[in-house]
Amino acid sequence: MNIKMNLDEILLFLDLMEKEKKTPLLDELKMMLYYLENYDEVKKFYKKVKENGYRLPNKFLAFSLVHFIENFEECIALKEEIYQNNTKRKYSDVFIQQILLSGTKEQAKETIEEAKGYGVLLKNTWADKYDSIREIIKRQEEWKRIIKEQLIENDNFPKIYNDFSRLKHKYFDNIPLEYIKGELSNRNQSQISVYTRSVFIKEYARRISNGVCQLCDKGAPFRDKHGNPFLEVHHIQYLSEGGSDSMENVVALCPNCHRRIHHLQLEADFKKVLEKAKINLNKNGE
């Protein structure tokens, strides 16, 4: 199963779990962290977790999240959180991360000494790796490789993603299309979080198409597990080229047309989907 989650979906997943009064399990948290792309996204994820009142298990903080902290002071704050209720466990990764984020060799040596107080014995040679974002990135990549082997290949990720899809469809089933359009149009006062905006854009494109590909004008090739026509959302002006994540810049395409438009890049196709996007703005879709 080809799974890809972005930050918007992850934050929405956390909100929907809170709505259902569910606490994220360890594997769910690992999956979310796995798909985050940079430190800014990690911070937004961590902030959302805190806002929702979840107390993250030390196993996740000390063996997973810590690898993605890239600020010395924030690493210390995480260490204090980890050891707040458990000072007996030896979390060597926490101190190694603090060493790698140290600004000076002397600071790194102090961390090695501090670690001894927690029963963590680190070689003095670790002090030579202070201020090493390169080593941090390397350890992040290694963590992701291990998690991929543990969770993706034994089918845990597909199950978790299906749970998210179920919650998402349940949520959107109770929201009228006109409400989604109204919120997306009202950019200054929208109640839609900036972190989940793209999820609403995707839902808008899917809903407004009424199950019909907006390039070939044929019905979706199949329905997904939730009974919805399967179409893929396409940004007419690519986001990577400065296109906006907005209603006037998205259409829903069948998988075949989606690949066609990316590979052939025909002017006629571009004009057609652009016109369809304009027409969509005046449609109710339901």
C-alpha atoms as a PDB file:
ATOM      1  CA  MET A   1       0.000   0.000   0.000  1.00  0.00           C
ATOM      2  CA  ASN A   2       1.454   3.342  -1.044  1.00  0.00           C
ATOM      3  CA  ILE A   3       0.947   5.568   2.001  1.00  0.00           C
ATOM      4  CA  LYS A   4       1.913   9.215   2.285  1.00  0.00           C
ATOM      5  CA  MET A   5       0.779  11.584   5.015  1.00  0.00           C
ATOM      6  CA  ASN A   6       1.557  15.283   5.195  1.00  0.00           C
ATOM      7  CA  LEU A   7       1.604  17.574   8.207  1.00  0.00           C
ATOM      8  CA  ASP A   8      -1.955  18.785   7.566  1.00  0.00           C
ATOM      9  CA  GLU A   9      -3.315  15.250   7.689  1.00  0.00           C
ATOM     10  CA  ILE A  10      -1.299  14.376  10.773  1.00  0.00           C
ATOM     11  CA  LEU A  11      -2.577  17.391  12.710  1.00  0.00           C
ATOM     12  CA  LEU A  12      -6.124  16.684  11.588  1.00  0.00           C
ATOM     13  CA  PHE A  13      -5.664  13.051  12.689  1.00  0.00           C
ATOM     14  CA  LEU A  14      -4.691  14.261  16.172  1.00  0.00           C
ATOM     15  CA  ASP A  15      -7.718  16.562  16.338  1.00  0.00           C
ATOM     16  CA  LEU A  16     -10.077  13.818  15.190  1.00  0.00           C
ATOM     17  CA  MET A  17      -8.639  11.421  17.769  1.00  0.00           C
ATOM     18  CA  GLU A  18      -9.238  14.015  20.462  1.00  0.00           C
ATOM     19  CA  LYS A  19     -12.799  14.412  19.223  1.00  0.00           C
ATOM     20  CA  GLU A  20     -13.247  10.646  19.591  1.00  0.00           C
ATOM     21  CA  LYS A  21     -11.562  10.776  23.025  1.00  0.00           C
ATOM     22  CA  LYS A  22      -8.808   8.474  21.785  1.00  0.00           C
ATOM     23  CA  THR A  23      -5.174   8.649  22.854  1.00  0.00           C
ATOM     24  CA  PRO A  24      -2.598   8.007  20.120  1.00  0.00           C
ATOM     25  CA  LEU A  25      -0.844   4.665  20.467  1.00  0.00           C
ATOM     26  CA  LEU A  26       2.925   4.334  20.220  1.00  0.00           C
ATOM     27  CA  ASP A  27       2.866   3.001  16.647  1.00  0.00           C
ATOM     28  CA  GLU A  28       0.493   5.789  15.588  1.00  0.00           C
ATOM     29  CA  LEU A  29       2.877   8.408  16.973  1.00  0.00           C
ATOM     30  CA  LYS A  30       5.817   6.750  15.219  1.00  0.00           C
ATOM     31  CA  MET A  31       3.935   6.802  11.932  1.00  0.00           C
ATOM     32  CA  MET A  32       3.148  10.500  12.289  1.00  0.00           C
ATOM     33  CA  LEU A  33       6.763  11.324  13.118  1.00  0.00           C
ATOM     34  CA  TYR A  34       7.987   9.185  10.213  1.00  0.00           C
ATOM     35  CA  TYR A  35       6.139  11.335   7.673  1.00  0.00           C
ATOM     36  CA  LEU A  36       7.206  14.730   9.020  1.00  0.00           C
ATOM     37  CA  GLU A  37       9.639  16.409   6.639  1.00  0.00           C
ATOM     38  CA  ASN A  38      11.585  18.908   8.731  1.00  0.00           C
ATOM     39  CA  TYR A  39      12.114  20.364  12.193  1.00  0.00           C
ATOM     40  CA  ASP A  40       9.437  23.039  11.763  1.00  0.00           C
ATOM     41  CA  GLU A  41       6.891  20.297  11.114  1.00  0.00           C
ATOM     42  CA  VAL A  42       8.123  18.356  14.147  1.00  0.00           C
ATOM     43  CA  LYS A  43       7.581  21.430  16.332  1.00  0.00           C
ATOM     44  CA  LYS A  44       4.040  21.942  15.000  1.00  0.00           C
ATOM     45  CA  PHE A  45       3.272  18.273  15.591  1.00  0.00           C
ATOM     46  CA  TYR A  46       4.657  18.418  19.147  1.00  0.00           C
ATOM     47  CA  LYS A  47       2.726  21.631  19.853  1.00  0.00           C
ATOM     48  CA  LYS A  48      -0.530  20.063  18.670  1.00  0.00           C
ATOM     49  CA  VAL A  49       0.063  17.026  20.871  1.00  0.00           C
ATOM     50  CA  LYS A  50       0.518  19.319  23.870  1.00  0.00           C
ATOM     51  CA  GLU A  51      -2.543  21.422  22.984  1.00  0.00           C
ATOM     52  CA  ASN A  52      -4.669  18.286  22.834  1.00  0.00           C
ATOM     53  CA  GLY A  53      -3.540  17.296  26.323  1.00  0.00           C
ATOM     54  CA  TYR A  54      -1.773  14.065  25.393  1.00  0.00           C
ATOM     55  CA  ARG A  55       1.026  12.883  27.648  1.00  0.00           C
ATOM     56  CA  LEU A  56       3.469  11.181  25.332  1.00  0.00           C
ATOM     57  CA  PRO A  57       5.030   7.923  26.555  1.00  0.00           C
ATOM     58  CA  ASN A  58       8.701   8.095  27.484  1.00  0.00           C
ATOM     59  CA  LYS A  59       9.396   5.336  24.958  1.00  0.00           C
ATOM     60  CA  PHE A  60       8.346   7.673  22.181  1.00  0.00           C
ATOM     61  CA  LEU A  61      10.055  10.762  23.595  1.00  0.00           C
ATOM     62  CA  ALA A  62      13.378   9.116  24.403  1.00  0.00           C
ATOM     63  CA  PHE A  63      13.757   6.672  21.527  1.00  0.00           C
ATOM     64  CA  SER A  64      11.995   8.492  18.677  1.00  0.00           C
ATOM     65  CA  LEU A  65      11.135  12.186  19.062  1.00  0.00           C
ATOM     66  CA  VAL A  66      14.489  13.125  20.569  1.00  0.00           C
ATOM     67  CA  HIS A  67      16.292  12.371  17.273  1.00  0.00           C
ATOM     68  CA  PHE A  68      14.302  15.136  15.555  1.00  0.00           C
ATOM     69  CA  ILE A  69      14.983  17.913  18.075  1.00  0.00           C
ATOM     70  CA  GLU A  70      17.435  20.369  16.507  1.00  0.00           C
ATOM     71  CA  ASN A  71      17.655  23.055  19.173  1.00  0.00           C
ATOM     72  CA  PHE A  72      19.866  22.729  22.268  1.00  0.00           C
ATOM     73  CA  GLU A  73      17.473  24.398  24.727  1.00  0.00           C
ATOM     74  CA  GLU A  74      14.513  22.443  23.410  1.00  0.00           C
ATOM     75  CA  CYS A  75      16.504  19.239  23.800  1.00  0.00           C
ATOM     76  CA  ILE A  76      17.130  20.069  27.449  1.00  0.00           C
ATOM     77  CA  ALA A  77      13.413  20.795  27.941  1.00  0.00           C
ATOM     78  CA  LEU A  78      12.559  17.417  26.411  1.00  0.00           C
ATOM     79  CA  LYS A  79      15.111  15.689  28.652  1.00  0.00           C
ATOM     80  CA  GLU A  80      13.521  17.293  31.716  1.00  0.00           C
ATOM     81  CA  GLU A  81      10.088  16.137  30.567  1.00  0.00           C
ATOM     82  CA  ILE A  82      11.349  12.593  30.075  1.00  0.00           C
ATOM     83  CA  TYR A  83      13.007  12.388  33.486  1.00  0.00           C
ATOM     84  CA  GLN A  84      10.238  14.214  35.333  1.00  0.00           C
ATOM     85  CA  ASN A  85       8.605  10.995  36.489  1.00  0.00           C
ATOM     86  CA  ASN A  86      11.322   8.452  35.756  1.00  0.00           C
ATOM     87  CA  THR A  87      14.918   9.054  36.810  1.00  0.00           C
ATOM     88  CA  LYS A  88      15.958   5.388  36.885  1.00  0.00           C
ATOM     89  CA  ARG A  89      15.794   4.585  33.167  1.00  0.00           C
ATOM     90  CA  LYS A  90      18.997   5.027  31.158  1.00  0.00           C
ATOM     91  CA  TYR A  91      18.110   7.061  28.067  1.00  0.00           C
ATOM     92  CA  SER A  92      21.468   7.415  26.331  1.00  0.00           C
ATOM     93  CA  ASP A  93      19.967   8.829  23.092  1.00  0.00           C
ATOM     94  CA  VAL A  94      18.732  11.873  25.005  1.00  0.00           C
ATOM     95  CA  PHE A  95      22.245  12.813  26.153  1.00  0.00           C
ATOM     96  CA  ILE A  96      23.802  11.980  22.792  1.00  0.00           C
ATOM     97  CA  GLN A  97      21.366  14.381  21.118  1.00  0.00           C
ATOM     98  CA  GLN A  98      22.252  17.058  23.658  1.00  0.00           C
ATOM     99  CA  ILE A  99      25.953  16.529  22.881  1.00  0.00           C
ATOM    100  CA  LEU A 100      25.354  16.800  19.136  1.00  0.00           C
ATOM    101  CA  LEU A 101      23.499  20.071  19.719  1.00  0.00           C
ATOM    102  CA  SER A 102      26.122  21.522  22.070  1.00  0.00           C
ATOM    103  CA  GLY A 103      27.728  24.730  20.842  1.00  0.00           C
ATOM    104  CA  THR A 104      31.174  23.959  22.243  1.00  0.00           C
ATOM    105  CA  LYS A 105      33.282  20.935  23.133  1.00  0.00           C
ATOM    106  CA  GLU A 106      33.274  22.058  26.764  1.00  0.00           C
ATOM    107  CA  GLN A 107      29.461  22.037  26.753  1.00  0.00           C
ATOM    108  CA  ALA A 108      29.529  18.527  25.287  1.00  0.00           C
ATOM    109  CA  LYS A 109      31.903  17.355  28.031  1.00  0.00           C
ATOM    110  CA  GLU A 110      29.568  18.776  30.660  1.00  0.00           C
ATOM    111  CA  THR A 111      26.722  16.737  29.144  1.00  0.00           C
ATOM    112  CA  ILE A 112      28.826  13.571  29.341  1.00  0.00           C
ATOM    113  CA  GLU A 113      29.409  14.262  33.037  1.00  0.00           C
ATOM    114  CA  GLU A 114      25.736  15.035  33.589  1.00  0.00           C
ATOM    115  CA  ALA A 115      24.781  11.746  31.948  1.00  0.00           C
ATOM    116  CA  LYS A 116      26.764   9.822  34.556  1.00  0.00           C
ATOM    117  CA  GLY A 117      24.377  11.114  37.216  1.00  0.00           C
ATOM    118  CA  TYR A 118      21.587   9.295  35.397  1.00  0.00           C
ATOM    119  CA  GLY A 119      23.600   6.106  35.048  1.00  0.00           C
ATOM    120  CA  VAL A 120      24.376   6.761  31.373  1.00  0.00           C
ATOM    121  CA  LEU A 121      28.054   6.133  30.599  1.00  0.00           C
ATOM    122  CA  LEU A 122      29.241   7.709  27.359  1.00  0.00           C
ATOM    123  CA  LYS A 123      32.747   7.634  25.949  1.00  0.00           C
ATOM    124  CA  ASN A 124      34.635  10.926  26.089  1.00  0.00           C
ATOM    125  CA  THR A 125      35.083  10.727  22.310  1.00  0.00           C
ATOM    126  CA  TRP A 126      31.425  11.769  21.970  1.00  0.00           C
ATOM    127  CA  ALA A 127      32.544  15.290  22.912  1.00  0.00           C
ATOM    128  CA  ASP A 128      34.302  15.545  19.544  1.00  0.00           C
ATOM    129  CA  LYS A 129      30.929  15.361  17.807  1.00  0.00           C
ATOM    130  CA  TYR A 130      29.541  18.568  19.298  1.00  0.00           C
ATOM    131  CA  ASP A 131      27.639  20.958  17.025  1.00  0.00           C
ATOM    132  CA  SER A 132      27.042  18.227  14.435  1.00  0.00           C
ATOM    133  CA  ILE A 133      23.792  18.637  12.496  1.00  0.00           C
ATOM    134  CA  ARG A 134      25.246  16.188  10.018  1.00  0.00           C
ATOM    135  CA  GLU A 135      25.331  13.452  12.638  1.00  0.00           C
ATOM    136  CA  ILE A 136      21.810  14.369  13.722  1.00  0.00           C
ATOM    137  CA  ILE A 137      20.478  13.989  10.165  1.00  0.00           C
ATOM    138  CA  LYS A 138      22.301  10.675   9.869  1.00  0.00           C
ATOM    139  CA  ARG A 139      20.661   9.375  13.052  1.00  0.00           C
ATOM    140  CA  GLN A 140      17.252  10.611  11.870  1.00  0.00           C
ATOM    141  CA  GLU A 141      17.647   8.682   8.623  1.00  0.00           C
ATOM    142  CA  GLU A 142      18.691   5.572  10.529  1.00  0.00           C
ATOM    143  CA  TRP A 143      15.626   5.850  12.776  1.00  0.00           C
ATOM    144  CA  LYS A 144      13.355   6.126   9.731  1.00  0.00           C
ATOM    145  CA  ARG A 145      15.005   3.108   8.122  1.00  0.00           C
ATOM    146  CA  ILE A 146      14.397   0.999  11.231  1.00  0.00           C
ATOM    147  CA  ILE A 147      10.806   2.220  11.606  1.00  0.00           C
ATOM    148  CA  LYS A 148      10.102   1.455   7.957  1.00  0.00           C
ATOM    149  CA  GLU A 149      11.252  -2.115   8.490  1.00  0.00           C
ATOM    150  CA  GLN A 150       9.297  -2.496  11.725  1.00  0.00           C
ATOM    151  CA  LEU A 151       6.011  -0.817  10.847  1.00  0.00           C
ATOM    152  CA  ILE A 152       5.526  -0.519   7.094  1.00  0.00           C
ATOM    153  CA  GLU A 153       6.630  -3.995   6.140  1.00  0.00           C
ATOM    154  CA  ASN A 154       4.479  -5.690   8.791  1.00  0.00           C
ATOM    155  CA  ASP A 155       1.388  -3.764   7.600  1.00  0.00           C
ATOM    156  CA  ASN A 156       0.939  -1.593  10.699  1.00  0.00           C
ATOM    157  CA  PHE A 157       1.027   1.652   8.720  1.00  0.00           C
ATOM    158  CA  PRO A 158      -1.806   0.663   6.324  1.00  0.00           C
ATOM    159  CA  LYS A 159      -4.022  -0.259   9.285  1.00  0.00           C
ATOM    160  CA  ILE A 160      -3.291   3.047  11.041  1.00  0.00           C
ATOM    161  CA  TYR A 161      -3.857   5.026   7.844  1.00  0.00           C
ATOM    162  CA  ASN A 162      -7.183   3.255   7.278  1.00  0.00           C
ATOM    163  CA  ASP A 163      -8.227   4.237  10.811  1.00  0.00           C
ATOM    164  CA  PHE A 164      -7.366   7.849   9.971  1.00  0.00           C
ATOM    165  CA  SER A 165      -9.317   7.650   6.691  1.00  0.00           C
ATOM    166  CA  ARG A 166     -12.330   6.317   8.557  1.00  0.00           C
ATOM    167  CA  LEU A 167     -12.223   9.179  11.065  1.00  0.00           C
ATOM    168  CA  LYS A 168     -11.678  11.737   8.292  1.00  0.00           C
ATOM    169  CA  HIS A 169     -14.622  10.501   6.208  1.00  0.00           C
ATOM    170  CA  LYS A 170     -16.847  10.375   9.282  1.00  0.00           C
ATOM    171  CA  TYR A 171     -15.869  13.971  10.022  1.00  0.00           C
ATOM    172  CA  PHE A 172     -16.418  15.312   6.498  1.00  0.00           C
ATOM    173  CA  ASP A 173     -19.686  13.416   6.033  1.00  0.00           C
ATOM    174  CA  ASN A 174     -21.205  15.830   8.557  1.00  0.00           C
ATOM    175  CA  ILE A 175     -19.894  18.987   6.867  1.00  0.00           C
ATOM    176  CA  PRO A 176     -21.851  20.454   3.905  1.00  0.00           C
ATOM    177  CA  LEU A 177     -19.849  21.417   0.824  1.00  0.00           C
ATOM    178  CA  GLU A 178     -21.096  25.001   1.003  1.00  0.00           C
ATOM    179  CA  TYR A 179     -19.667  25.310   4.506  1.00  0.00           C
ATOM    180  CA  ILE A 180     -16.279  24.068   3.273  1.00  0.00           C
ATOM    181  CA  LYS A 181     -16.372  26.549   0.382  1.00  0.00           C
ATOM    182  CA  GLY A 182     -17.376  29.380   2.689  1.00  0.00           C
ATOM    183  CA  GLU A 183     -14.583  28.667   5.129  1.00  0.00           C
ATOM    184  CA  LEU A 184     -11.983  28.336   2.386  1.00  0.00           C
ATOM    185  CA  SER A 185     -13.127  31.609   0.832  1.00  0.00           C
ATOM    186  CA  ASN A 186     -13.022  33.517   4.114  1.00  0.00           C
ATOM    187  CA  ARG A 187      -9.222  33.551   4.377  1.00  0.00           C
ATOM    188  CA  ASN A 188      -8.960  36.214   7.088  1.00  0.00           C
ATOM    189  CA  GLN A 189     -11.427  34.809   9.585  1.00  0.00           C
ATOM    190  CA  SER A 190     -11.633  31.151   8.602  1.00  0.00           C
ATOM    191  CA  GLN A 191     -12.123  28.661  11.401  1.00  0.00           C
ATOM    192  CA  ILE A 192     -10.112  26.152   9.384  1.00  0.00           C
ATOM    193  CA  SER A 193      -6.673  25.779  10.915  1.00  0.00           C
ATOM    194  CA  VAL A 194      -3.804  26.831   8.676  1.00  0.00           C
ATOM    195  CA  TYR A 195      -2.346  23.414   9.403  1.00  0.00           C
ATOM    196  CA  THR A 196      -5.345  21.526   8.016  1.00  0.00           C
ATOM    197  CA  ARG A 197      -6.210  23.845   5.130  1.00  0.00           C
ATOM    198  CA  SER A 198      -4.858  21.521   2.438  1.00  0.00           C
ATOM    199  CA  VAL A 199      -6.988  18.661   3.806  1.00  0.00           C
ATOM    200  CA  PHE A 200     -10.087  20.825   3.308  1.00  0.00           C
ATOM    201  CA  ILE A 201      -8.904  21.796  -0.178  1.00  0.00           C
ATOM    202  CA  LYS A 202      -8.567  18.117  -1.099  1.00  0.00           C
ATOM    203  CA  GLU A 203     -12.016  17.358   0.288  1.00  0.00           C
ATOM    204  CA  TYR A 204     -13.464  20.298  -1.657  1.00  0.00           C
ATOM    205  CA  ALA A 205     -11.921  19.070  -4.936  1.00  0.00           C
ATOM    206  CA  ARG A 206     -13.138  15.531  -4.337  1.00  0.00           C
ATOM    207  CA  ARG A 207     -16.668  16.642  -3.408  1.00  0.00           C
ATOM    208  CA  ILE A 208     -17.156  19.278  -6.121  1.00  0.00           C
ATOM    209  CA  SER A 209     -16.256  16.808  -8.880  1.00  0.00           C
ATOM    210  CA  ASN A 210     -19.246  14.563  -8.078  1.00  0.00           C
ATOM    211  CA  GLY A 211     -17.118  11.526  -8.872  1.00  0.00           C
ATOM    212  CA  VAL A 212     -16.284  12.638 -12.425  1.00  0.00           C
ATOM    213  CA  CYS A 213     -12.722  13.183 -13.680  1.00  0.00           C
ATOM    214  CA  GLN A 214     -12.379  16.826 -14.670  1.00  0.00           C
ATOM    215  CA  LEU A 215     -10.172  16.101 -17.650  1.00  0.00           C
ATOM    216  CA  CYS A 216     -11.636  13.045 -19.419  1.00  0.00           C
ATOM    217  CA  ASP A 217     -15.171  13.643 -18.013  1.00  0.00           C
ATOM    218  CA  LYS A 218     -15.554   9.963 -17.089  1.00  0.00           C
ATOM    219  CA  GLY A 219     -16.600   8.513 -13.773  1.00  0.00           C
ATOM    220  CA  ALA A 220     -13.963   7.483 -11.234  1.00  0.00           C
ATOM    221  CA  PRO A 221     -12.449   4.072 -12.057  1.00  0.00           C
ATOM    222  CA  PHE A 222     -13.472   2.595  -8.683  1.00  0.00           C
ATOM    223  CA  ARG A 223     -14.718   3.445  -5.202  1.00  0.00           C
ATOM    224  CA  ASP A 224     -12.497   3.453  -2.131  1.00  0.00           C
ATOM    225  CA  LYS A 225     -13.112   1.438   1.039  1.00  0.00           C
ATOM    226  CA  HIS A 226     -15.477   4.139   2.290  1.00  0.00           C
ATOM    227  CA  GLY A 227     -17.623   4.059  -0.848  1.00  0.00           C
ATOM    228  CA  ASN A 228     -16.334   7.328  -2.307  1.00  0.00           C
ATOM    229  CA  PRO A 229     -15.332   7.662  -5.992  1.00  0.00           C
ATOM    230  CA  PHE A 230     -11.542   7.442  -6.201  1.00  0.00           C
ATOM    231  CA  LEU A 231     -10.084  10.564  -7.791  1.00  0.00           C
ATOM    232  CA  GLU A 232      -6.755  12.291  -7.175  1.00  0.00           C
ATOM    233  CA  VAL A 233      -6.403  15.987  -6.401  1.00  0.00           C
ATOM    234  CA  HIS A 234      -4.288  17.952  -8.882  1.00  0.00           C
ATOM    235  CA  HIS A 235      -2.913  21.458  -8.384  1.00  0.00           C
ATOM    236  CA  ILE A 236      -3.129  23.174 -11.770  1.00  0.00           C
ATOM    237  CA  GLN A 237      -0.247  25.507 -10.999  1.00  0.00           C
ATOM    238  CA  TYR A 238       2.130  23.275  -9.056  1.00  0.00           C
ATOM    239  CA  LEU A 239       2.707  24.209  -5.417  1.00  0.00           C
ATOM    240  CA  SER A 240       6.436  23.733  -6.035  1.00  0.00           C
ATOM    241  CA  GLU A 241       6.232  26.471  -8.662  1.00  0.00           C
ATOM    242  CA  GLY A 242       4.362  28.960  -6.514  1.00  0.00           C
ATOM    243  CA  GLY A 243       0.810  27.733  -7.106  1.00  0.00           C
ATOM    244  CA  SER A 244      -1.710  28.355  -4.340  1.00  0.00           C
ATOM    245  CA  ASP A 245      -3.472  25.764  -2.206  1.00  0.00           C
ATOM    246  CA  SER A 246      -6.855  27.242  -3.134  1.00  0.00           C
ATOM    247  CA  MET A 247     -10.181  26.276  -4.699  1.00  0.00           C
ATOM    248  CA  GLU A 248      -9.387  27.982  -7.999  1.00  0.00           C
ATOM    249  CA  ASN A 249      -6.175  25.957  -8.339  1.00  0.00           C
ATOM    250  CA  VAL A 250      -7.433  22.389  -7.785  1.00  0.00           C
ATOM    251  CA  VAL A 251      -9.362  19.788  -9.732  1.00  0.00           C
ATOM    252  CA  ALA A 252     -10.042  16.079  -9.207  1.00  0.00           C
ATOM    253  CA  LEU A 253      -8.644  13.670 -11.815  1.00  0.00           C
ATOM    254  CA  CYS A 254      -8.716   9.943 -12.402  1.00  0.00           C
ATOM    255  CA  PRO A 255      -5.281   8.312 -11.871  1.00  0.00           C
ATOM    256  CA  ASN A 256      -4.752   7.918 -15.621  1.00  0.00           C
ATOM    257  CA  CYS A 257      -5.446  11.591 -16.409  1.00  0.00           C
ATOM    258  CA  HIS A 258      -3.396  12.707 -13.432  1.00  0.00           C
ATOM    259  CA  ARG A 259      -0.370  10.961 -14.870  1.00  0.00           C
ATOM    260  CA  ARG A 260      -1.178  12.190 -18.369  1.00  0.00           C
ATOM    261  CA  ILE A 261      -1.291  15.823 -17.307  1.00  0.00           C
ATOM    262  CA  HIS A 262       2.023  15.568 -15.445  1.00  0.00           C
ATOM    263  CA  HIS A 263       3.881  13.678 -18.151  1.00  0.00           C
ATOM    264  CA  LEU A 264       2.533  15.287 -21.322  1.00  0.00           C
ATOM    265  CA  GLN A 265       1.924  18.817 -20.003  1.00  0.00           C
ATOM    266  CA  LEU A 266      -0.345  19.676 -22.942  1.00  0.00           C
ATOM    267  CA  GLU A 267      -1.586  23.246 -23.234  1.00  0.00           C
ATOM    268  CA  ALA A 268      -5.100  22.024 -24.119  1.00  0.00           C
ATOM    269  CA  ASP A 269      -5.264  19.942 -20.918  1.00  0.00           C
ATOM    270  CA  PHE A 270      -4.050  22.875 -18.839  1.00  0.00           C
ATOM    271  CA  LYS A 271      -6.716  25.178 -20.291  1.00  0.00           C
ATOM    272  CA  LYS A 272      -9.481  22.617 -19.775  1.00  0.00           C
ATOM    273  CA  VAL A 273      -8.769  21.956 -16.083  1.00  0.00           C
ATOM    274  CA  LEU A 274      -8.295  25.680 -15.465  1.00  0.00           C
ATOM    275  CA  GLU A 275     -11.740  26.330 -16.916  1.00  0.00           C
ATOM    276  CA  LYS A 276     -13.220  23.475 -14.867  1.00  0.00           C
ATOM    277  CA  ALA A 277     -11.751  24.977 -11.690  1.00  0.00           C
ATOM    278  CA  LYS A 278     -13.447  28.300 -12.496  1.00  0.00           C
ATOM    279  CA  ILE A 279     -16.774  26.566 -13.133  1.00  0.00           C
ATOM    280  CA  ASN A 280     -16.419  24.649  -9.857  1.00  0.00           C
ATOM    281  CA  LEU A 281     -16.484  27.874  -7.864  1.00  0.00           C
ATOM    282  CA  ASN A 282     -20.083  28.449  -8.958  1.00  0.00           C
ATOM    283  CA  LYS A 283     -21.267  24.872  -8.398  1.00  0.00           C
ATOM    284  CA  ASN A 284     -22.947  23.432  -5.353  1.00  0.00           C
ATOM    285  CA  GLY A 285     -21.687  19.938  -6.057  1.00  0.00           C
ATOM    286  CA  GLU A 286     -24.425  18.242  -4.017  1.00  0.00           C
END
